[in-house]
Each structure stands twice: as C-alpha cells, then as structure tokens.
Protein backbone atom coordinates (compact mmCIF):
# COMPACT_ATOMS: atom_id res chain seq x y z
CA UNK A 1 0.00 0.00 0.00
CA UNK A 2 2.80 2.35 0.96
CA UNK A 3 4.68 1.48 -2.21
CA UNK A 4 1.64 2.40 -4.29
CA UNK A 5 1.34 5.78 -2.57
CA UNK A 6 5.00 6.51 -3.22
CA UNK A 7 4.60 5.72 -6.92
CA UNK A 8 1.56 7.96 -7.09
CA UNK A 9 3.41 10.86 -5.45
CA UNK A 10 6.42 10.37 -7.72
CA UNK A 11 4.17 10.38 -10.81
CA UNK A 12 2.43 13.50 -9.57
CA UNK A 13 5.76 15.32 -9.10
CA UNK A 14 6.90 14.36 -12.58
CA UNK A 15 3.62 15.59 -14.02
CA UNK A 16 4.00 18.90 -12.18
CA UNK A 17 7.57 19.28 -13.44
CA UNK A 18 6.47 18.47 -16.97
CA UNK A 19 3.56 20.94 -16.76
CA UNK A 20 5.93 23.60 -15.38
CA UNK A 21 8.47 23.05 -18.16
CA UNK A 22 5.75 23.03 -20.80
CA UNK A 23 4.20 26.18 -19.33
CA UNK A 24 7.60 27.90 -19.16
CA UNK A 25 8.29 26.99 -22.80
CA UNK A 26 4.88 28.31 -23.81
CA UNK A 27 5.44 31.58 -21.98
CA UNK A 28 8.91 32.00 -23.47
CA UNK A 29 7.54 31.22 -26.94
CA UNK A 30 4.72 33.70 -26.44
CA UNK A 31 7.16 36.39 -25.30
CA UNK A 32 9.42 35.77 -28.32
CA UNK A 33 6.49 35.81 -30.71
CA UNK A 34 5.21 39.00 -29.12
CA UNK A 35 8.64 40.65 -29.35
CA UNK A 36 9.15 39.62 -32.96
CA UNK A 37 5.69 40.75 -33.91
CA UNK A 38 6.13 44.03 -32.06
CA UNK A 39 9.46 44.59 -33.79
CA UNK A 40 7.85 44.10 -37.19
CA UNK A 41 4.88 46.31 -36.45
CA UNK A 42 6.40 49.00 -34.25
CA UNK A 43 9.79 50.77 -33.92
CA UNK A 44 11.66 51.38 -30.73
CA UNK A 45 12.48 55.04 -30.02
CA UNK A 46 16.08 54.48 -31.18
CA UNK A 47 14.94 52.69 -34.33
CA UNK A 48 12.41 55.44 -34.99
CA UNK A 49 15.17 58.08 -34.85
CA UNK A 50 17.41 56.04 -37.14
CA UNK A 51 14.58 55.54 -39.62
CA UNK A 52 13.87 59.29 -39.68
CA UNK A 53 17.55 60.07 -40.16
CA UNK A 54 17.79 57.55 -43.02
CA UNK A 55 14.73 59.01 -44.70
CA UNK A 56 16.19 62.50 -44.45
CA UNK A 57 19.51 61.32 -45.87
CA UNK A 58 17.69 59.56 -48.71
CA UNK A 59 15.75 62.74 -49.54
CA UNK A 60 18.94 64.83 -49.49
CA UNK A 61 20.75 62.28 -51.65
CA UNK A 62 17.91 62.22 -54.19
CA UNK A 63 17.90 66.05 -54.30
CA UNK A 64 21.68 66.14 -54.77
CA UNK A 65 21.54 63.44 -57.44
CA UNK A 66 18.86 65.38 -59.29
CA UNK A 67 20.90 68.58 -59.05
CA UNK A 68 24.05 66.75 -60.17
CA UNK A 69 22.23 65.35 -63.21
CA UNK A 70 20.96 68.82 -64.04
CA UNK A 71 24.41 70.40 -63.71
CA UNK A 72 25.98 67.58 -65.74
CA UNK A 73 23.44 68.13 -68.51
CA UNK A 74 24.14 71.89 -68.48
CA UNK A 75 27.91 71.32 -68.61
CA UNK A 76 27.51 68.82 -71.44
CA UNK A 77 25.43 71.36 -73.36
CA UNK A 78 28.01 74.11 -72.75
CA UNK A 79 30.83 71.79 -73.84
CA UNK A 80 28.93 70.81 -76.97
CA UNK A 81 28.19 74.46 -77.79
CA UNK A 82 31.84 75.44 -77.25
CA UNK A 83 33.03 72.65 -79.52
CA UNK A 84 30.44 73.69 -82.10
CA UNK A 85 31.63 77.30 -82.01
CA UNK A 86 35.23 76.08 -82.24
CA UNK A 87 34.45 73.97 -85.31
CA UNK A 88 32.50 76.79 -86.99
CA UNK A 89 35.17 79.40 -86.25
CA UNK A 90 38.29 77.32 -86.89
CA UNK A 91 36.85 74.58 -89.10
CA UNK A 92 38.74 71.94 -87.10
CA UNK A 93 38.21 69.63 -84.14
CA UNK A 94 39.00 71.08 -80.69
CA UNK A 95 42.20 69.79 -79.19
CA UNK A 96 42.15 68.08 -75.79
CA UNK A 97 45.73 67.66 -74.66
CA UNK A 98 44.95 66.54 -71.11
CA UNK A 99 42.72 63.67 -72.26
CA UNK A 100 45.29 62.64 -74.84
CA UNK A 101 48.05 62.55 -72.25
CA UNK A 102 45.85 60.62 -69.79
CA UNK A 103 45.08 57.96 -72.39
CA UNK A 104 48.77 57.62 -73.24
CA UNK A 105 49.70 57.27 -69.57
CA UNK A 106 47.00 54.64 -68.99
CA UNK A 107 48.12 52.64 -72.02
CA UNK A 108 51.74 52.79 -70.84
CA UNK A 109 50.74 51.74 -67.32
CA UNK A 110 48.73 48.74 -68.56
CA UNK A 111 51.59 47.69 -70.81
CA UNK A 112 54.09 48.00 -67.96
CA UNK A 113 51.96 46.08 -65.44
CA UNK A 114 51.59 43.14 -67.82
CA UNK A 115 55.38 42.64 -68.12
CA UNK A 116 57.22 40.04 -65.99
CA UNK A 117 59.57 41.30 -63.26
CA UNK A 118 62.70 40.19 -65.09
CA UNK A 119 61.72 42.16 -68.17
CA UNK A 120 60.79 45.18 -66.06
CA UNK A 121 64.17 45.07 -64.36
CA UNK A 122 65.96 44.89 -67.71
CA UNK A 123 63.88 47.79 -69.07
CA UNK A 124 64.63 49.84 -65.96
CA UNK A 125 68.37 49.24 -66.25
CA UNK A 126 68.28 50.16 -69.95
CA UNK A 127 66.35 53.37 -69.26
CA UNK A 128 68.72 54.32 -66.43
CA UNK A 129 71.69 53.88 -68.78
CA UNK A 130 69.98 55.93 -71.48
CA UNK A 131 69.10 58.68 -68.98
CA UNK A 132 72.70 58.73 -67.73
CA UNK A 133 73.95 59.22 -71.29
CA UNK A 134 71.37 61.94 -71.91
CA UNK A 135 72.31 63.63 -68.64
CA UNK A 136 75.96 63.70 -69.71
CA UNK A 137 75.00 65.10 -73.12
CA UNK A 138 72.74 67.71 -71.55
CA UNK A 139 75.47 68.75 -69.13
CA UNK A 140 77.91 69.22 -72.01
CA UNK A 141 75.26 71.12 -73.98
CA UNK A 142 74.47 73.29 -70.94
CA UNK A 143 78.12 74.24 -70.49
CA UNK A 144 78.34 75.06 -74.20
CA UNK A 145 75.21 77.22 -74.07
CA UNK A 146 76.43 78.92 -70.89
CA UNK A 147 79.73 79.73 -72.55
CA UNK A 148 77.93 81.16 -75.58
CA UNK A 149 75.59 83.12 -73.32
CA UNK A 150 78.49 84.57 -71.38
CA UNK A 151 80.13 85.71 -74.60
CA UNK A 152 76.89 87.38 -75.72
CA UNK A 153 76.61 89.51 -72.59
CA UNK A 154 74.03 92.28 -73.06
CA UNK A 155 73.49 91.16 -76.66
CA UNK A 156 71.27 88.37 -75.31
CA UNK A 157 68.71 91.02 -74.36
CA UNK A 158 68.23 91.70 -78.08
CA UNK A 159 67.09 88.15 -78.89
CA UNK A 160 63.27 87.68 -78.82
CA UNK A 161 62.59 85.35 -75.90
CA UNK A 162 59.15 86.01 -74.35
CA UNK A 163 55.53 85.99 -75.52
CA UNK A 164 54.17 89.38 -76.62
CA UNK A 165 51.05 89.05 -74.42
CA UNK A 166 50.24 87.61 -71.01
CA UNK A 167 49.57 83.94 -71.71
CA UNK A 168 50.61 81.99 -68.63
CA UNK A 169 48.04 79.22 -69.21
CA UNK A 170 49.05 78.93 -72.91
CA UNK A 171 45.37 78.99 -73.89
CA UNK A 172 45.39 82.21 -75.93
CA UNK A 173 47.45 80.87 -78.82
CA UNK A 174 44.98 80.07 -81.59
CA UNK A 175 47.08 79.70 -84.73
CA UNK A 176 50.67 78.71 -85.31
CA UNK A 177 53.31 79.12 -87.98
CA UNK A 178 52.79 77.20 -91.23
CA UNK A 179 50.12 76.43 -93.80
CA UNK A 180 46.68 77.27 -92.49
CA UNK A 181 43.16 78.12 -93.68
CA UNK A 182 42.45 81.71 -94.67
CA UNK A 183 39.27 82.78 -92.80
CA UNK A 184 38.08 85.10 -95.58
CA UNK A 185 38.82 83.23 -98.82
CA UNK A 186 38.63 79.64 -97.41
CA UNK A 187 41.91 78.75 -99.09
CA UNK A 188 45.17 77.47 -97.68
CA UNK A 189 47.83 80.10 -97.11
CA UNK A 190 51.23 80.43 -95.49
CA UNK A 191 50.77 81.82 -91.98
CA UNK A 192 54.18 83.24 -91.05
CA UNK A 193 53.54 84.08 -87.44
CA UNK A 194 51.32 83.19 -84.49
CA UNK A 195 47.91 84.54 -83.48
CA UNK A 196 46.76 85.26 -79.92
CA UNK A 197 43.07 85.78 -79.14
CA UNK A 198 43.19 88.67 -76.69
CA UNK A 199 40.57 91.26 -75.88
CA UNK A 200 40.84 94.71 -77.39
CA UNK A 201 42.94 96.95 -75.20
CA UNK A 202 45.20 94.17 -73.86
CA UNK A 203 48.85 95.11 -73.31
CA UNK A 204 51.36 94.11 -75.99
CA UNK A 205 54.99 93.76 -74.90
CA UNK A 206 58.29 94.11 -76.72
CA UNK A 207 59.87 90.65 -76.72
CA UNK A 208 63.47 91.96 -76.78
CA UNK A 209 65.46 95.18 -76.61
CA UNK A 210 65.49 97.19 -79.80
CA UNK A 211 64.43 100.30 -81.70
CA UNK A 212 60.97 100.96 -83.16
CA UNK A 213 61.63 100.90 -86.89
CA UNK A 214 58.12 101.09 -88.41
CA UNK A 215 54.59 102.02 -87.41
CA UNK A 216 52.26 101.18 -90.28
CA UNK A 217 48.95 102.77 -91.23
CA UNK A 218 45.79 101.22 -89.76
CA UNK A 219 44.27 100.83 -93.27
CA UNK A 220 46.75 98.12 -94.29
CA UNK A 221 45.79 94.42 -94.39
CA UNK A 222 47.65 93.79 -91.13
CA UNK A 223 46.06 96.84 -89.57
CA UNK A 224 48.07 99.06 -87.27
CA UNK A 225 51.48 97.35 -86.97
CA UNK A 226 54.73 97.94 -85.09
CA UNK A 227 58.09 96.59 -86.31
CA UNK A 228 60.99 96.56 -83.85
CA UNK A 229 64.57 96.22 -85.10
CA UNK A 230 66.71 94.43 -82.51
CA UNK A 231 69.89 95.37 -84.42
CA UNK A 232 71.34 91.86 -84.53
CA UNK A 233 69.52 90.43 -87.54
CA UNK A 234 66.29 89.98 -85.56
CA UNK A 235 63.11 91.95 -86.11
CA UNK A 236 59.67 91.42 -84.54
CA UNK A 237 56.29 92.69 -85.73
CA UNK A 238 52.98 93.16 -83.86
CA UNK A 239 49.82 93.57 -85.97
CA UNK A 240 46.06 94.37 -85.81
CA UNK A 241 46.68 96.81 -82.94
CA UNK A 242 44.16 99.16 -81.41
CA UNK A 243 46.67 101.86 -80.54
CA UNK A 244 50.42 102.41 -80.32
CA UNK A 245 52.14 103.88 -77.26
CA UNK A 246 55.64 104.25 -78.77
CA UNK A 247 57.01 106.31 -81.65
CA UNK A 248 59.34 105.61 -84.57
CA UNK A 249 63.00 105.62 -83.50
CA UNK A 250 62.20 105.03 -79.82
CA UNK A 251 64.38 102.57 -77.91
CA UNK A 252 62.46 99.86 -76.06
CA UNK A 253 63.44 97.09 -73.68
CA UNK A 254 62.13 93.56 -73.33
CA UNK A 255 58.84 93.66 -71.41
CA UNK A 256 57.99 97.30 -72.23
CA UNK A 257 54.37 97.93 -73.22
CA UNK A 258 54.47 99.11 -76.82
CA UNK A 259 50.80 98.94 -77.86
CA UNK A 260 47.27 97.81 -77.07
CA UNK A 261 45.84 94.88 -79.01
CA UNK A 262 42.87 95.40 -81.29
CA UNK A 263 41.03 94.31 -84.42
CA UNK A 264 42.33 96.68 -87.10
CA UNK A 265 42.98 95.71 -90.70
CA UNK A 266 41.67 92.53 -92.33
CA UNK A 267 40.83 90.64 -89.14
CA UNK A 268 38.17 88.07 -88.27
CA UNK A 269 38.13 88.87 -84.54
CA UNK A 270 40.21 90.80 -81.98
CA UNK A 271 43.68 89.24 -81.83
CA UNK A 272 47.40 89.90 -82.06
CA UNK A 273 49.45 88.63 -84.99
CA UNK A 274 53.11 88.27 -83.96
CA UNK A 275 56.10 87.54 -86.20
CA UNK A 276 59.83 86.98 -85.71
CA UNK A 277 62.22 87.66 -88.60
CA UNK A 278 65.91 86.80 -88.81
CA UNK A 279 67.92 88.34 -91.66
CA UNK A 280 64.56 89.27 -93.25
CA UNK A 281 63.34 85.63 -93.17
CA UNK A 282 60.18 84.92 -91.17
CA UNK A 283 60.76 82.09 -88.67
CA UNK A 284 58.53 80.26 -86.19
CA UNK A 285 58.06 82.47 -83.09
CA UNK A 286 57.22 79.39 -80.97
CA UNK A 287 60.95 78.74 -80.51
CA UNK A 288 61.51 82.23 -79.10
CA UNK A 289 59.54 82.01 -75.85
CA UNK A 290 62.31 80.20 -73.96
CA UNK A 291 62.71 82.73 -71.13
CA UNK A 292 59.25 82.08 -69.70
CA UNK A 293 58.42 78.47 -70.66
CA UNK A 294 59.44 75.29 -68.87
CA UNK A 295 60.30 72.26 -71.05
CA UNK A 296 56.81 70.82 -70.47
CA UNK A 297 55.14 74.14 -71.34
CA UNK A 298 57.31 74.42 -74.43
CA UNK A 299 56.18 70.97 -75.62
CA UNK A 300 52.55 71.86 -74.84
CA UNK A 301 52.57 75.15 -76.76
CA UNK A 302 54.16 73.42 -79.76
CA UNK A 303 51.37 70.84 -79.76
CA UNK A 304 48.75 73.59 -79.49
CA UNK A 305 50.32 75.45 -82.42
CA UNK A 306 50.31 72.24 -84.50
CA UNK A 307 46.69 71.34 -83.72
CA UNK A 308 45.40 72.58 -87.08
CA UNK A 309 43.56 75.72 -86.00
CA UNK A 310 42.58 78.57 -88.26
CA UNK A 311 44.15 82.01 -88.41
CA UNK A 312 42.19 85.21 -87.72
CA UNK A 313 43.81 87.18 -90.57
C-alpha cells in the first residue's frame, strides 16, 4: 500500500515538473512571438530616430543626385556648344591635350603592369643607362650654351625670348606658324607668325630690346602694326593693334608695353598677330619664348600650335 502511494506521489511530481516546463516553454515562446511581432509592427524610439535620419539622408541624396544630373546636362550642353563654335570658327576639331596625355599614360601603365619582373628590371636598367647618357650630353650642352651666353653679354637682351602678351596658361594661342586656312577666302595660305586671341585693349609687350623701326597705317591688311629692329639680324612685328604707345625711332626694352591689341585691318576677330624675322626671313616664333616656358610648357605650346587651328587674318 505504501509502495503504491510513493509511486503515485512520484508520478504527480513528474507531471507537475512536466507541466511547469511546458508552461515555461509556452510563456517564453509567447514572449518571443510577441517581441518579434512588435518589432515588425512598431519601432523602438532608437529605431524610430534612425529611420527618420535615413529618410532625411535619402531625400537629401535624391535632391543632390537630381541637381548633379541637371548640372551635368548643363555642362555637357556648354561643352557641346563650345566645340560647335570652335568647329565653326576654326573649321577643325578642338584639341584636348589633357585627355590625350591621360590615355597615353593609362596605355603605358597597362603595358608596364603586364610585363614580368625580369623584363621590367631589364627595361629599368636600360632606361637608367639611357638617362645617364642623356644627362651627360645635356650637361655638355648646358656648359656650351652657358659659354655662348656669357660671350653674348648684353646682346642676349636683343634676342626675342618672351611671348608678346600675357599667356601663362598657354590657352590664348589660336594659330601657329605654317600652312593654315584663310578665314576670308577659305583657301590654304602660309601663316608666317602666331595669333593670340586677346581682348581689345590688352597690353602688348616688346619681346626683346630694340628700336621701333616702323609704325604702319591702320588701313593696311595687317592693320596698325609695329616693327621693332633688334639690331642683330632679328626683327619682330605686332599687328592688328588698337593703338600704339611708342614712336618711330624710340628705344624699347624687353617687357615694355608698346601697344594695345585690337582688331584693325583685315581681321576676323580681336587678336594679335606676332612675327619673328631673322635676316629678313620669317621664322617660327614658338621657338623664341624660352625665357618664360618650362620644357613641359614648351612641348605643350608646340602641340597647341600644330593642332590645325585657323588664323584670324
């Protein structure tokens, strides 16, 4: 009898434990379900703030993206219009030196990366040897030039060596020396100087020491023109001027303002036509800007001059 009672009590305890565990599991499940459901349906205060901040950021981003698209479209239109004006005015494609150089650098980089290390090492050694030889040659050339310069003394001031207008960015040069399209007759002609697009009234500088030899009449084809004799075989001329601030026979020094640029004579638009002559032969002025151009700038201005643009006279 006692054994039966013990079994009954033991079974009852087990049942209570089981009911407790089952009840605890149910409550825990209910709490989890409630929490998950609440999380889906409602935000906590922190989540609410984050959601508001994200919405605000999204709105600002969309506004900025819309403004960026609008500005990009405007810039594209301006670029297209500028290129159209360039083609109409110069009858040639606009040059883009920066893009050209970037493409060349990228191509060189890709080619270099694809080479094995042994080949790269050999190329590097070869280039170092070549640069060493060039450095020696340049040093010898520099000493030779220095010696010649020392012998010239003050005579070097009479060699044209700067640009006749302020053109630090090199963007004002619009036509170089050589065969180019005549803007009035649409035929090829020999353009024996360089053209700068400068506003009327811009300062024009003497490019070397000398004496004002000629001041031509404004009714000529080249308009009002100044010719400076540098008394060493060199002469320079400055054409299509608005006004002249020197007189015939006056001595001038490199950098002196001699005139104001204009649009006189047979001219398509306001500009300065500049020529360099040596022993009465017209030569390319591009090679006579050496006092103010670095080697890179010199290469750049040569490429601009050779880009096939049209003269203004």
